[in-house]
Amino acid sequence: MTRPIRLATLLAISLAASAAFAQGAGLQQLQARFAAADTDHDGKLTPAEARAGMPRVAQHFAEIDTDHKGYLTLDDIERFLAARRARPAP
């Protein structure tokens, strides 16, 4: 009985570690894509930069730009993605 519990625990730990690694890799990819799309390197994506370099972000630009600044920061995009992940599936 102890062995199945150990195996289940090891499986849970490895799955959690894999998810954390994948999330970290996803964050690095997001940061790289943002940096490439931010052509003037001011830390902000305009609608034009988003359309050219991050089309999926551009599709949700108004939804992400909650304070209506007219540009997006990496933090804005990360908050939007975190909120979407936290929503229950329909």
PDB file of N, CA and C in Angstrom:
ATOM      1  N   MET A   1       0.817  -1.197   0.000  1.00  0.00           N
ATOM      2  CA  MET A   1       0.000   0.000   0.000  1.00  0.00           C
ATOM      3  C   MET A   1       0.859   1.259   0.000  1.00  0.00           C
ATOM      4  N   THR A   2       1.974   1.222   0.677  1.00  0.00           N
ATOM      5  CA  THR A   2       2.850   2.379   0.739  1.00  0.00           C
ATOM      6  C   THR A   2       3.462   2.680  -0.624  1.00  0.00           C
ATOM      7  N   ARG A   3       3.783   1.650  -1.359  1.00  0.00           N
ATOM      8  CA  ARG A   3       4.409   1.852  -2.668  1.00  0.00           C
ATOM      9  C   ARG A   3       3.491   2.607  -3.634  1.00  0.00           C
ATOM     10  N   PRO A   4       2.199   2.261  -3.760  1.00  0.00           N
ATOM     11  CA  PRO A   4       1.327   3.037  -4.650  1.00  0.00           C
ATOM     12  C   PRO A   4       1.225   4.509  -4.242  1.00  0.00           C
ATOM     13  N   ILE A   5       1.243   4.766  -2.944  1.00  0.00           N
ATOM     14  CA  ILE A   5       1.177   6.158  -2.478  1.00  0.00           C
ATOM     15  C   ILE A   5       2.445   6.900  -2.885  1.00  0.00           C
ATOM     16  N   ARG A   6       3.584   6.254  -2.724  1.00  0.00           N
ATOM     17  CA  ARG A   6       4.849   6.873  -3.136  1.00  0.00           C
ATOM     18  C   ARG A   6       4.856   7.146  -4.632  1.00  0.00           C
ATOM     19  N   LEU A   7       4.398   6.173  -5.401  1.00  0.00           N
ATOM     20  CA  LEU A   7       4.359   6.359  -6.854  1.00  0.00           C
ATOM     21  C   LEU A   7       3.427   7.502  -7.243  1.00  0.00           C
ATOM     22  N   ALA A   8       2.276   7.566  -6.598  1.00  0.00           N
ATOM     23  CA  ALA A   8       1.329   8.645  -6.887  1.00  0.00           C
ATOM     24  C   ALA A   8       1.926   9.998  -6.514  1.00  0.00           C
ATOM     25  N   THR A   9       2.631  10.043  -5.391  1.00  0.00           N
ATOM     26  CA  THR A   9       3.268  11.289  -4.958  1.00  0.00           C
ATOM     27  C   THR A   9       4.351  11.710  -5.941  1.00  0.00           C
ATOM     28  N   LEU A  10       5.176  10.761  -6.353  1.00  0.00           N
ATOM     29  CA  LEU A  10       6.224  11.068  -7.332  1.00  0.00           C
ATOM     30  C   LEU A  10       5.631  11.546  -8.653  1.00  0.00           C
ATOM     31  N   LEU A  11       4.556  10.922  -9.072  1.00  0.00           N
ATOM     32  CA  LEU A  11       3.890  11.330 -10.306  1.00  0.00           C
ATOM     33  C   LEU A  11       3.361  12.756 -10.179  1.00  0.00           C
ATOM     34  N   ALA A  12       2.733  13.061  -9.060  1.00  0.00           N
ATOM     35  CA  ALA A  12       2.190  14.410  -8.846  1.00  0.00           C
ATOM     36  C   ALA A  12       3.302  15.452  -8.843  1.00  0.00           C
ATOM     37  N   ILE A  13       4.410  15.140  -8.184  1.00  0.00           N
ATOM     38  CA  ILE A  13       5.539  16.072  -8.140  1.00  0.00           C
ATOM     39  C   ILE A  13       6.120  16.284  -9.530  1.00  0.00           C
ATOM     40  N   SER A  14       6.288  15.213 -10.281  1.00  0.00           N
ATOM     41  CA  SER A  14       6.870  15.356 -11.619  1.00  0.00           C
ATOM     42  C   SER A  14       5.942  16.127 -12.549  1.00  0.00           C
ATOM     43  N   LEU A  15       4.632  15.917 -12.415  1.00  0.00           N
ATOM     44  CA  LEU A  15       3.685  16.678 -13.236  1.00  0.00           C
ATOM     45  C   LEU A  15       3.718  18.158 -12.877  1.00  0.00           C
ATOM     46  N   ALA A  16       3.797  18.461 -11.595  1.00  0.00           N
ATOM     47  CA  ALA A  16       3.862  19.861 -11.164  1.00  0.00           C
ATOM     48  C   ALA A  16       5.147  20.513 -11.658  1.00  0.00           C
ATOM     49  N   ALA A  17       6.256  19.785 -11.575  1.00  0.00           N
ATOM     50  CA  ALA A  17       7.524  20.330 -12.055  1.00  0.00           C
ATOM     51  C   ALA A  17       7.483  20.556 -13.561  1.00  0.00           C
ATOM     52  N   SER A  18       6.883  19.631 -14.290  1.00  0.00           N
ATOM     53  CA  SER A  18       6.761  19.790 -15.741  1.00  0.00           C
ATOM     54  C   SER A  18       5.910  20.999 -16.088  1.00  0.00           C
ATOM     55  N   ALA A  19       4.828  21.194 -15.371  1.00  0.00           N
ATOM     56  CA  ALA A  19       3.955  22.344 -15.627  1.00  0.00           C
ATOM     57  C   ALA A  19       4.683  23.646 -15.325  1.00  0.00           C
ATOM     58  N   ALA A  20       5.431  23.676 -14.226  1.00  0.00           N
ATOM     59  CA  ALA A  20       6.178  24.886 -13.875  1.00  0.00           C
ATOM     60  C   ALA A  20       7.246  25.178 -14.920  1.00  0.00           C
ATOM     61  N   PHE A  21       7.938  24.141 -15.383  1.00  0.00           N
ATOM     62  CA  PHE A  21       8.953  24.322 -16.415  1.00  0.00           C
ATOM     63  C   PHE A  21       8.325  24.833 -17.696  1.00  0.00           C
ATOM     64  N   ALA A  22       7.201  24.252 -18.087  1.00  0.00           N
ATOM     65  CA  ALA A  22       6.520  24.680 -19.311  1.00  0.00           C
ATOM     66  C   ALA A  22       6.054  26.119 -19.187  1.00  0.00           C
ATOM     67  N   GLN A  23       5.556  26.495 -18.015  1.00  0.00           N
ATOM     68  CA  GLN A  23       5.108  27.869 -17.814  1.00  0.00           C
ATOM     69  C   GLN A  23       6.300  28.818 -17.898  1.00  0.00           C
ATOM     70  N   GLY A  24       7.431  28.446 -17.322  1.00  0.00           N
ATOM     71  CA  GLY A  24       8.635  29.271 -17.400  1.00  0.00           C
ATOM     72  C   GLY A  24       9.111  29.417 -18.829  1.00  0.00           C
ATOM     73  N   ALA A  25       9.071  28.322 -19.584  1.00  0.00           N
ATOM     74  CA  ALA A  25       9.466  28.371 -20.992  1.00  0.00           C
ATOM     75  C   ALA A  25       8.498  29.240 -21.774  1.00  0.00           C
ATOM     76  N   GLY A  26       7.212  29.152 -21.447  1.00  0.00           N
ATOM     77  CA  GLY A  26       6.216  29.982 -22.115  1.00  0.00           C
ATOM     78  C   GLY A  26       6.435  31.456 -21.829  1.00  0.00           C
ATOM     79  N   LEU A  27       6.814  31.781 -20.594  1.00  0.00           N
ATOM     80  CA  LEU A  27       7.086  33.167 -20.226  1.00  0.00           C
ATOM     81  C   LEU A  27       8.300  33.690 -20.987  1.00  0.00           C
ATOM     82  N   GLN A  28       9.332  32.872 -21.090  1.00  0.00           N
ATOM     83  CA  GLN A  28      10.518  33.282 -21.849  1.00  0.00           C
ATOM     84  C   GLN A  28      10.169  33.520 -23.310  1.00  0.00           C
ATOM     85  N   GLN A  29       9.340  32.666 -23.869  1.00  0.00           N
ATOM     86  CA  GLN A  29       8.925  32.827 -25.261  1.00  0.00           C
ATOM     87  C   GLN A  29       8.110  34.109 -25.422  1.00  0.00           C
ATOM     88  N   LEU A  30       7.213  34.378 -24.482  1.00  0.00           N
ATOM     89  CA  LEU A  30       6.417  35.603 -24.530  1.00  0.00           C
ATOM     90  C   LEU A  30       7.326  36.827 -24.461  1.00  0.00           C
ATOM     91  N   GLN A  31       8.293  36.805 -23.563  1.00  0.00           N
ATOM     92  CA  GLN A  31       9.218  37.931 -23.428  1.00  0.00           C
ATOM     93  C   GLN A  31      10.010  38.151 -24.713  1.00  0.00           C
ATOM     94  N   ALA A  32      10.456  37.073 -25.333  1.00  0.00           N
ATOM     95  CA  ALA A  32      11.214  37.188 -26.584  1.00  0.00           C
ATOM     96  C   ALA A  32      10.346  37.731 -27.708  1.00  0.00           C
ATOM     97  N   ARG A  33       9.119  37.250 -27.798  1.00  0.00           N
ATOM     98  CA  ARG A  33       8.212  37.734 -28.848  1.00  0.00           C
ATOM     99  C   ARG A  33       7.865  39.198 -28.629  1.00  0.00           C
ATOM    100  N   PHE A  34       7.651  39.585 -27.371  1.00  0.00           N
ATOM    101  CA  PHE A  34       7.359  40.983 -27.066  1.00  0.00           C
ATOM    102  C   PHE A  34       8.542  41.862 -27.475  1.00  0.00           C
ATOM    103  N   ALA A  35       9.750  41.452 -27.103  1.00  0.00           N
ATOM    104  CA  ALA A  35      10.949  42.233 -27.435  1.00  0.00           C
ATOM    105  C   ALA A  35      11.109  42.382 -28.946  1.00  0.00           C
ATOM    106  N   ALA A  36      10.821  41.327 -29.690  1.00  0.00           N
ATOM    107  CA  ALA A  36      10.937  41.392 -31.152  1.00  0.00           C
ATOM    108  C   ALA A  36       9.855  42.290 -31.752  1.00  0.00           C
ATOM    109  N   ALA A  37       8.663  42.261 -31.186  1.00  0.00           N
ATOM    110  CA  ALA A  37       7.560  43.073 -31.716  1.00  0.00           C
ATOM    111  C   ALA A  37       7.724  44.547 -31.355  1.00  0.00           C
ATOM    112  N   ASP A  38       8.376  44.828 -30.247  1.00  0.00           N
ATOM    113  CA  ASP A  38       8.584  46.203 -29.780  1.00  0.00           C
ATOM    114  C   ASP A  38       9.727  46.828 -30.577  1.00  0.00           C
ATOM    115  N   THR A  39       9.432  47.222 -31.800  1.00  0.00           N
ATOM    116  CA  THR A  39      10.475  47.636 -32.742  1.00  0.00           C
ATOM    117  C   THR A  39      11.211  48.904 -32.333  1.00  0.00           C
ATOM    118  N   ASP A  40      10.582  49.780 -31.567  1.00  0.00           N
ATOM    119  CA  ASP A  40      11.291  50.987 -31.130  1.00  0.00           C
ATOM    120  C   ASP A  40      11.891  50.826 -29.727  1.00  0.00           C
ATOM    121  N   HIS A  41      11.752  49.645 -29.157  1.00  0.00           N
ATOM    122  CA  HIS A  41      12.379  49.259 -27.883  1.00  0.00           C
ATOM    123  C   HIS A  41      12.064  50.225 -26.740  1.00  0.00           C
ATOM    124  N   ASP A  42      10.799  50.674 -26.683  1.00  0.00           N
ATOM    125  CA  ASP A  42      10.396  51.563 -25.596  1.00  0.00           C
ATOM    126  C   ASP A  42       9.639  50.834 -24.493  1.00  0.00           C
ATOM    127  N   GLY A  43       9.522  49.505 -24.609  1.00  0.00           N
ATOM    128  CA  GLY A  43       8.818  48.722 -23.596  1.00  0.00           C
ATOM    129  C   GLY A  43       7.310  48.757 -23.734  1.00  0.00           C
ATOM    130  N   LYS A  44       6.836  49.275 -24.871  1.00  0.00           N
ATOM    131  CA  LYS A  44       5.397  49.393 -25.113  1.00  0.00           C
ATOM    132  C   LYS A  44       5.087  48.888 -26.510  1.00  0.00           C
ATOM    133  N   LEU A  45       3.955  48.197 -26.638  1.00  0.00           N
ATOM    134  CA  LEU A  45       3.491  47.767 -27.960  1.00  0.00           C
ATOM    135  C   LEU A  45       2.340  48.658 -28.381  1.00  0.00           C
ATOM    136  N   THR A  46       2.500  49.295 -29.514  1.00  0.00           N
ATOM    137  CA  THR A  46       1.399  50.051 -30.102  1.00  0.00           C
ATOM    138  C   THR A  46       0.505  49.068 -30.848  1.00  0.00           C
ATOM    139  N   PRO A  47      -0.684  49.485 -31.244  1.00  0.00           N
ATOM    140  CA  PRO A  47      -1.518  48.585 -32.047  1.00  0.00           C
ATOM    141  C   PRO A  47      -0.804  48.111 -33.316  1.00  0.00           C
ATOM    142  N   ALA A  48      -0.056  48.995 -33.968  1.00  0.00           N
ATOM    143  CA  ALA A  48       0.658  48.612 -35.194  1.00  0.00           C
ATOM    144  C   ALA A  48       1.745  47.582 -34.898  1.00  0.00           C
ATOM    145  N   GLU A  49       2.505  47.780 -33.819  1.00  0.00           N
ATOM    146  CA  GLU A  49       3.543  46.812 -33.453  1.00  0.00           C
ATOM    147  C   GLU A  49       2.918  45.466 -33.106  1.00  0.00           C
ATOM    148  N   ALA A  50       1.801  45.498 -32.411  1.00  0.00           N
ATOM    149  CA  ALA A  50       1.117  44.251 -32.051  1.00  0.00           C
ATOM    150  C   ALA A  50       0.633  43.527 -33.304  1.00  0.00           C
ATOM    151  N   ARG A  51       0.036  44.265 -34.230  1.00  0.00           N
ATOM    152  CA  ARG A  51      -0.447  43.629 -35.476  1.00  0.00           C
ATOM    153  C   ARG A  51       0.705  42.994 -36.244  1.00  0.00           C
ATOM    154  N   ALA A  52       1.838  43.679 -36.295  1.00  0.00           N
ATOM    155  CA  ALA A  52       2.979  43.182 -37.065  1.00  0.00           C
ATOM    156  C   ALA A  52       3.703  42.029 -36.370  1.00  0.00           C
ATOM    157  N   GLY A  53       3.832  42.094 -35.039  1.00  0.00           N
ATOM    158  CA  GLY A  53       4.671  41.122 -34.355  1.00  0.00           C
ATOM    159  C   GLY A  53       3.971  40.138 -33.443  1.00  0.00           C
ATOM    160  N   MET A  54       2.763  40.478 -33.001  1.00  0.00           N
ATOM    161  CA  MET A  54       2.021  39.602 -32.088  1.00  0.00           C
ATOM    162  C   MET A  54       0.543  39.655 -32.461  1.00  0.00           C
ATOM    163  N   PRO A  55       0.176  39.043 -33.582  1.00  0.00           N
ATOM    164  CA  PRO A  55      -1.196  39.169 -34.085  1.00  0.00           C
ATOM    165  C   PRO A  55      -2.282  38.698 -33.119  1.00  0.00           C
ATOM    166  N   ARG A  56      -2.006  37.691 -32.312  1.00  0.00           N
ATOM    167  CA  ARG A  56      -3.031  37.237 -31.349  1.00  0.00           C
ATOM    168  C   ARG A  56      -3.233  38.274 -30.255  1.00  0.00           C
ATOM    169  N   VAL A  57      -2.170  38.936 -29.862  1.00  0.00           N
ATOM    170  CA  VAL A  57      -2.295  40.034 -28.902  1.00  0.00           C
ATOM    171  C   VAL A  57      -3.083  41.167 -29.546  1.00  0.00           C
ATOM    172  N   ALA A  58      -2.803  41.445 -30.809  1.00  0.00           N
ATOM    173  CA  ALA A  58      -3.511  42.511 -31.525  1.00  0.00           C
ATOM    174  C   ALA A  58      -5.014  42.247 -31.563  1.00  0.00           C
ATOM    175  N   GLN A  59      -5.398  40.988 -31.707  1.00  0.00           N
ATOM    176  CA  GLN A  59      -6.824  40.641 -31.738  1.00  0.00           C
ATOM    177  C   GLN A  59      -7.527  41.000 -30.430  1.00  0.00           C
ATOM    178  N   HIS A  60      -6.792  40.997 -29.337  1.00  0.00           N
ATOM    179  CA  HIS A  60      -7.367  41.265 -28.012  1.00  0.00           C
ATOM    180  C   HIS A  60      -6.861  42.593 -27.429  1.00  0.00           C
ATOM    181  N   PHE A  61      -6.311  43.450 -28.282  1.00  0.00           N
ATOM    182  CA  PHE A  61      -5.653  44.672 -27.815  1.00  0.00           C
ATOM    183  C   PHE A  61      -6.543  45.474 -26.872  1.00  0.00           C
ATOM    184  N   ALA A  62      -7.758  45.779 -27.292  1.00  0.00           N
ATOM    185  CA  ALA A  62      -8.661  46.604 -26.474  1.00  0.00           C
ATOM    186  C   ALA A  62      -9.006  45.917 -25.156  1.00  0.00           C
ATOM    187  N   GLU A  63      -9.119  44.608 -25.189  1.00  0.00           N
ATOM    188  CA  GLU A  63      -9.429  43.836 -23.988  1.00  0.00           C
ATOM    189  C   GLU A  63      -8.250  43.852 -23.005  1.00  0.00           C
ATOM    190  N   ILE A  64      -7.030  43.820 -23.536  1.00  0.00           N
ATOM    191  CA  ILE A  64      -5.824  43.824 -22.701  1.00  0.00           C
ATOM    192  C   ILE A  64      -5.548  45.227 -22.164  1.00  0.00           C
ATOM    193  N   ASP A  65      -5.790  46.241 -22.979  1.00  0.00           N
ATOM    194  CA  ASP A  65      -5.529  47.641 -22.611  1.00  0.00           C
ATOM    195  C   ASP A  65      -6.665  48.166 -21.737  1.00  0.00           C
ATOM    196  N   THR A  66      -6.750  47.653 -20.521  1.00  0.00           N
ATOM    197  CA  THR A  66      -7.883  47.961 -19.644  1.00  0.00           C
ATOM    198  C   THR A  66      -7.924  49.421 -19.203  1.00  0.00           C
ATOM    199  N   ASP A  67      -6.771  50.083 -19.151  1.00  0.00           N
ATOM    200  CA  ASP A  67      -6.780  51.489 -18.746  1.00  0.00           C
ATOM    201  C   ASP A  67      -6.690  52.439 -19.938  1.00  0.00           C
ATOM    202  N   HIS A  68      -6.883  51.906 -21.134  1.00  0.00           N
ATOM    203  CA  HIS A  68      -7.024  52.697 -22.373  1.00  0.00           C
ATOM    204  C   HIS A  68      -5.857  53.660 -22.610  1.00  0.00           C
ATOM    205  N   LYS A  69      -4.637  53.134 -22.459  1.00  0.00           N
ATOM    206  CA  LYS A  69      -3.440  53.937 -22.686  1.00  0.00           C
ATOM    207  C   LYS A  69      -3.116  54.061 -24.170  1.00  0.00           C
ATOM    208  N   GLY A  70      -3.583  53.088 -24.955  1.00  0.00           N
ATOM    209  CA  GLY A  70      -3.247  53.071 -26.372  1.00  0.00           C
ATOM    210  C   GLY A  70      -1.996  52.268 -26.674  1.00  0.00           C
ATOM    211  N   TYR A  71      -1.437  51.634 -25.659  1.00  0.00           N
ATOM    212  CA  TYR A  71      -0.287  50.750 -25.829  1.00  0.00           C
ATOM    213  C   TYR A  71      -0.366  49.661 -24.768  1.00  0.00           C
ATOM    214  N   LEU A  72       0.423  48.602 -24.974  1.00  0.00           N
ATOM    215  CA  LEU A  72       0.473  47.487 -24.027  1.00  0.00           C
ATOM    216  C   LEU A  72       1.897  47.298 -23.541  1.00  0.00           C
ATOM    217  N   THR A  73       2.032  46.966 -22.270  1.00  0.00           N
ATOM    218  CA  THR A  73       3.326  46.570 -21.735  1.00  0.00           C
ATOM    219  C   THR A  73       3.331  45.044 -21.591  1.00  0.00           C
ATOM    220  N   LEU A  74       4.493  44.505 -21.358  1.00  0.00           N
ATOM    221  CA  LEU A  74       4.596  43.063 -21.125  1.00  0.00           C
ATOM    222  C   LEU A  74       3.774  42.677 -19.896  1.00  0.00           C
ATOM    223  N   ASP A  75       3.792  43.507 -18.868  1.00  0.00           N
ATOM    224  CA  ASP A  75       2.987  43.233 -17.667  1.00  0.00           C
ATOM    225  C   ASP A  75       1.497  43.175 -17.994  1.00  0.00           C
ATOM    226  N   ASP A  76       1.026  44.079 -18.863  1.00  0.00           N
ATOM    227  CA  ASP A  76      -0.389  44.060 -19.268  1.00  0.00           C
ATOM    228  C   ASP A  76      -0.751  42.712 -19.885  1.00  0.00           C
ATOM    229  N   ILE A  77       0.106  42.235 -20.774  1.00  0.00           N
ATOM    230  CA  ILE A  77      -0.160  40.975 -21.476  1.00  0.00           C
ATOM    231  C   ILE A  77      -0.104  39.804 -20.502  1.00  0.00           C
ATOM    232  N   GLU A  78       0.887  39.812 -19.608  1.00  0.00           N
ATOM    233  CA  GLU A  78       1.004  38.734 -18.624  1.00  0.00           C
ATOM    234  C   GLU A  78      -0.219  38.689 -17.713  1.00  0.00           C
ATOM    235  N   ARG A  79      -0.703  39.853 -17.265  1.00  0.00           N
ATOM    236  CA  ARG A  79      -1.908  39.893 -16.418  1.00  0.00           C
ATOM    237  C   ARG A  79      -3.116  39.338 -17.162  1.00  0.00           C
ATOM    238  N   PHE A  80      -3.251  39.724 -18.422  1.00  0.00           N
ATOM    239  CA  PHE A  80      -4.365  39.244 -19.240  1.00  0.00           C
ATOM    240  C   PHE A  80      -4.316  37.723 -19.369  1.00  0.00           C
ATOM    241  N   LEU A  81      -3.142  37.186 -19.668  1.00  0.00           N
ATOM    242  CA  LEU A  81      -3.007  35.736 -19.826  1.00  0.00           C
ATOM    243  C   LEU A  81      -3.261  35.005 -18.514  1.00  0.00           C
ATOM    244  N   ALA A  82      -2.778  35.555 -17.406  1.00  0.00           N
ATOM    245  CA  ALA A  82      -3.009  34.926 -16.099  1.00  0.00           C
ATOM    246  C   ALA A  82      -4.497  34.908 -15.772  1.00  0.00           C
ATOM    247  N   ALA A  83      -5.184  35.992 -16.067  1.00  0.00           N
ATOM    248  CA  ALA A  83      -6.629  36.048 -15.808  1.00  0.00           C
ATOM    249  C   ALA A  83      -7.373  35.037 -16.668  1.00  0.00           C
ATOM    250  N   ARG A  84      -6.941  34.873 -17.901  1.00  0.00           N
ATOM    251  CA  ARG A  84      -7.594  33.894 -18.783  1.00  0.00           C
ATOM    252  C   ARG A  84      -7.353  32.475 -18.305  1.00  0.00           C
ATOM    253  N   ARG A  85      -6.148  32.196 -17.821  1.00  0.00           N
ATOM    254  CA  ARG A  85      -5.851  30.851 -17.304  1.00  0.00           C
ATOM    255  C   ARG A  85      -6.673  30.560 -16.057  1.00  0.00           C
ATOM    256  N   ALA A  86      -6.947  31.581 -15.262  1.00  0.00           N
ATOM    257  CA  ALA A  86      -7.671  31.395 -14.003  1.00  0.00           C
ATOM    258  C   ALA A  86      -9.167  31.200 -14.209  1.00  0.00           C
ATOM    259  N   ARG A  87      -9.672  31.599 -15.367  1.00  0.00           N
ATOM    260  CA  ARG A  87     -11.111  31.442 -15.640  1.00  0.00           C
ATOM    261  C   ARG A  87     -11.470  29.978 -15.808  1.00  0.00           C
ATOM    262  N   PRO A  88     -12.603  29.568 -15.260  1.00  0.00           N
ATOM    263  CA  PRO A  88     -13.036  28.179 -15.482  1.00  0.00           C
ATOM    264  C   PRO A  88     -13.433  27.964 -16.943  1.00  0.00           C
ATOM    265  N   ALA A  89     -13.175  26.785 -17.416  1.00  0.00           N
ATOM    266  CA  ALA A  89     -13.535  26.444 -18.805  1.00  0.00           C
ATOM    267  C   ALA A  89     -15.055  26.427 -18.939  1.00  0.00           C
ATOM    268  N   PRO A  90     -15.550  26.845 -20.109  1.00  0.00           N
ATOM    269  CA  PRO A  90     -17.014  26.850 -20.306  1.00  0.00           C
ATOM    270  C   PRO A  90     -17.599  25.458 -20.370  1.00  0.00           C
TER     271      PRO A  90
END
